[in-house]
Amino acid sequence: MKTYKQKTRKSISKRFKVTKTGKVLRMPSGQDHLLSKQASSKRRRLRKLVEVSAGEAKKIKKLLKI
């Protein structure tokens, strides 16, 4: 009987990035619209990736089949 490969959740793979050390990174919220009201320092800070909490990272890795 032929065995099938597990498919990756594409929505998760587009939203998260896993580093070599195993950390799960995501983009922070709050950068969609109304950016003119925000301070330029905050806008710069929002460009950087942030680490996901340990509990959430475990769930995300499970969905990514890692």
N, C-alpha and C. Protein backbone atom coordinates (compact mmCIF):
# COMPACT_ATOMS: atom_id res chain seq x y z
N MET A 1 0.84 -1.18 0.00
CA MET A 1 0.00 0.00 0.00
C MET A 1 0.88 1.25 0.00
N LYS A 2 0.51 2.23 -0.80
CA LYS A 2 1.29 3.45 -0.95
C LYS A 2 1.04 4.40 0.22
N THR A 3 2.12 4.96 0.77
CA THR A 3 1.97 5.94 1.85
C THR A 3 2.06 7.34 1.27
N TYR A 4 1.32 8.26 1.83
CA TYR A 4 1.26 9.62 1.32
C TYR A 4 2.01 10.58 2.23
N LYS A 5 2.57 11.62 1.61
CA LYS A 5 3.30 12.63 2.36
C LYS A 5 2.31 13.57 3.04
N GLN A 6 2.67 14.04 4.23
CA GLN A 6 1.84 15.01 4.94
C GLN A 6 1.98 16.37 4.26
N LYS A 7 0.87 17.05 4.08
CA LYS A 7 0.92 18.38 3.48
C LYS A 7 1.12 19.44 4.55
N THR A 8 1.88 20.48 4.21
CA THR A 8 2.11 21.61 5.10
C THR A 8 0.90 22.54 5.05
N ARG A 9 0.54 23.14 6.18
CA ARG A 9 -0.52 24.15 6.19
C ARG A 9 0.06 25.41 5.56
N LYS A 10 -0.36 25.73 4.35
CA LYS A 10 0.22 26.84 3.59
C LYS A 10 -0.04 28.18 4.27
N SER A 11 -1.19 28.34 4.91
CA SER A 11 -1.48 29.61 5.57
C SER A 11 -0.50 29.87 6.71
N ILE A 12 -0.10 28.80 7.40
CA ILE A 12 0.84 28.92 8.51
C ILE A 12 2.25 29.18 7.97
N SER A 13 2.62 28.49 6.89
CA SER A 13 3.97 28.64 6.35
C SER A 13 4.21 30.04 5.78
N LYS A 14 3.14 30.71 5.36
CA LYS A 14 3.27 32.08 4.84
C LYS A 14 3.38 33.10 5.96
N ARG A 15 2.79 32.81 7.11
CA ARG A 15 2.74 33.78 8.22
C ARG A 15 3.92 33.67 9.18
N PHE A 16 4.55 32.50 9.26
CA PHE A 16 5.60 32.27 10.25
C PHE A 16 6.88 31.80 9.60
N LYS A 17 7.99 32.05 10.30
CA LYS A 17 9.30 31.64 9.82
C LYS A 17 10.00 30.94 10.98
N VAL A 18 10.63 29.79 10.70
CA VAL A 18 11.35 29.05 11.74
C VAL A 18 12.84 29.21 11.48
N THR A 19 13.58 29.62 12.53
CA THR A 19 15.02 29.81 12.41
C THR A 19 15.75 28.47 12.55
N LYS A 20 17.06 28.50 12.32
CA LYS A 20 17.86 27.27 12.46
C LYS A 20 17.85 26.75 13.89
N THR A 21 17.80 27.66 14.85
CA THR A 21 17.80 27.25 16.25
C THR A 21 16.43 26.76 16.72
N GLY A 22 15.39 26.94 15.88
CA GLY A 22 14.06 26.43 16.22
C GLY A 22 13.10 27.48 16.72
N LYS A 23 13.51 28.76 16.75
CA LYS A 23 12.59 29.82 17.16
C LYS A 23 11.58 30.08 16.05
N VAL A 24 10.35 30.40 16.45
CA VAL A 24 9.31 30.73 15.48
C VAL A 24 9.12 32.24 15.51
N LEU A 25 9.23 32.88 14.33
CA LEU A 25 9.10 34.33 14.23
C LEU A 25 7.85 34.71 13.46
N ARG A 26 7.31 35.89 13.78
CA ARG A 26 6.13 36.41 13.09
C ARG A 26 6.26 37.92 12.96
N MET A 27 5.46 38.50 12.10
CA MET A 27 5.42 39.95 11.97
C MET A 27 4.45 40.50 13.03
N PRO A 28 4.78 41.62 13.68
CA PRO A 28 3.88 42.17 14.69
C PRO A 28 2.63 42.78 14.06
N SER A 29 1.59 42.88 14.85
CA SER A 29 0.33 43.46 14.36
C SER A 29 0.41 44.99 14.42
N GLY A 30 -0.55 45.64 13.79
CA GLY A 30 -0.66 47.10 13.88
C GLY A 30 0.08 47.85 12.80
N GLN A 31 0.24 47.25 11.61
CA GLN A 31 0.94 47.98 10.54
C GLN A 31 0.18 47.92 9.22
N ASP A 32 -1.14 47.78 9.31
CA ASP A 32 -1.96 47.69 8.10
C ASP A 32 -2.34 49.06 7.55
N HIS A 33 -2.94 49.89 8.40
CA HIS A 33 -3.39 51.21 7.95
C HIS A 33 -3.32 52.18 9.12
N LEU A 34 -3.62 53.44 8.87
CA LEU A 34 -3.55 54.53 9.85
C LEU A 34 -2.12 54.69 10.41
N LEU A 35 -1.13 54.50 9.55
CA LEU A 35 0.26 54.58 10.00
C LEU A 35 0.74 56.02 10.17
N SER A 36 0.03 56.97 9.55
CA SER A 36 0.46 58.36 9.66
C SER A 36 0.32 58.89 11.09
N LYS A 37 -0.59 58.30 11.87
CA LYS A 37 -0.78 58.71 13.26
C LYS A 37 0.35 58.20 14.15
N GLN A 38 0.97 57.09 13.76
CA GLN A 38 1.99 56.46 14.60
C GLN A 38 3.33 57.16 14.47
N ALA A 39 4.10 57.09 15.53
CA ALA A 39 5.43 57.69 15.53
C ALA A 39 6.34 56.89 14.60
N SER A 40 7.32 57.59 14.00
CA SER A 40 8.22 56.92 13.06
C SER A 40 9.04 55.84 13.75
N SER A 41 9.36 56.05 15.03
CA SER A 41 10.12 55.03 15.77
C SER A 41 9.29 53.76 15.94
N LYS A 42 7.99 53.92 16.16
CA LYS A 42 7.11 52.75 16.30
C LYS A 42 6.98 52.02 14.97
N ARG A 43 6.88 52.80 13.88
CA ARG A 43 6.78 52.18 12.55
C ARG A 43 8.03 51.38 12.21
N ARG A 44 9.18 51.90 12.59
CA ARG A 44 10.45 51.18 12.37
C ARG A 44 10.47 49.90 13.20
N ARG A 45 10.01 49.98 14.44
CA ARG A 45 9.99 48.83 15.34
C ARG A 45 9.05 47.74 14.82
N LEU A 46 7.95 48.14 14.19
CA LEU A 46 6.97 47.19 13.67
C LEU A 46 7.48 46.42 12.45
N ARG A 47 8.54 46.91 11.80
CA ARG A 47 9.08 46.22 10.62
C ARG A 47 9.81 44.95 10.98
N LYS A 48 10.29 44.85 12.22
CA LYS A 48 11.11 43.71 12.63
C LYS A 48 10.25 42.53 13.05
N LEU A 49 10.79 41.34 12.86
CA LEU A 49 10.12 40.12 13.29
C LEU A 49 10.20 39.97 14.80
N VAL A 50 9.16 39.41 15.39
CA VAL A 50 9.15 39.14 16.83
C VAL A 50 8.98 37.64 17.06
N GLU A 51 9.49 37.18 18.19
CA GLU A 51 9.42 35.75 18.52
C GLU A 51 8.05 35.40 19.08
N VAL A 52 7.57 34.24 18.72
CA VAL A 52 6.28 33.72 19.20
C VAL A 52 6.51 33.07 20.56
N SER A 53 5.51 33.12 21.44
CA SER A 53 5.64 32.50 22.76
C SER A 53 5.83 30.99 22.63
N ALA A 54 6.37 30.38 23.66
CA ALA A 54 6.73 28.96 23.62
C ALA A 54 5.53 28.06 23.35
N GLY A 55 4.41 28.34 23.98
CA GLY A 55 3.21 27.53 23.79
C GLY A 55 2.67 27.60 22.38
N GLU A 56 2.65 28.83 21.82
CA GLU A 56 2.17 29.01 20.45
C GLU A 56 3.14 28.40 19.46
N ALA A 57 4.44 28.51 19.73
CA ALA A 57 5.46 27.96 18.84
C ALA A 57 5.31 26.45 18.70
N LYS A 58 4.97 25.80 19.79
CA LYS A 58 4.78 24.35 19.78
C LYS A 58 3.64 23.97 18.84
N LYS A 59 2.53 24.72 18.90
CA LYS A 59 1.38 24.46 18.04
C LYS A 59 1.71 24.72 16.57
N ILE A 60 2.45 25.79 16.32
CA ILE A 60 2.79 26.17 14.94
C ILE A 60 3.72 25.13 14.32
N LYS A 61 4.69 24.65 15.10
CA LYS A 61 5.60 23.63 14.59
C LYS A 61 4.86 22.34 14.27
N LYS A 62 3.84 22.03 15.06
CA LYS A 62 3.03 20.85 14.81
C LYS A 62 2.28 20.97 13.49
N LEU A 63 1.75 22.18 13.22
CA LEU A 63 1.02 22.42 11.97
C LEU A 63 1.95 22.43 10.76
N LEU A 64 3.22 22.85 10.99
CA LEU A 64 4.20 22.87 9.91
C LEU A 64 4.87 21.53 9.70
N LYS A 65 4.54 20.55 10.53
CA LYS A 65 5.12 19.20 10.47
C LYS A 65 6.63 19.22 10.72
N ILE A 66 7.05 20.03 11.69
CA ILE A 66 8.47 20.12 12.08
C ILE A 66 8.69 19.31 13.33
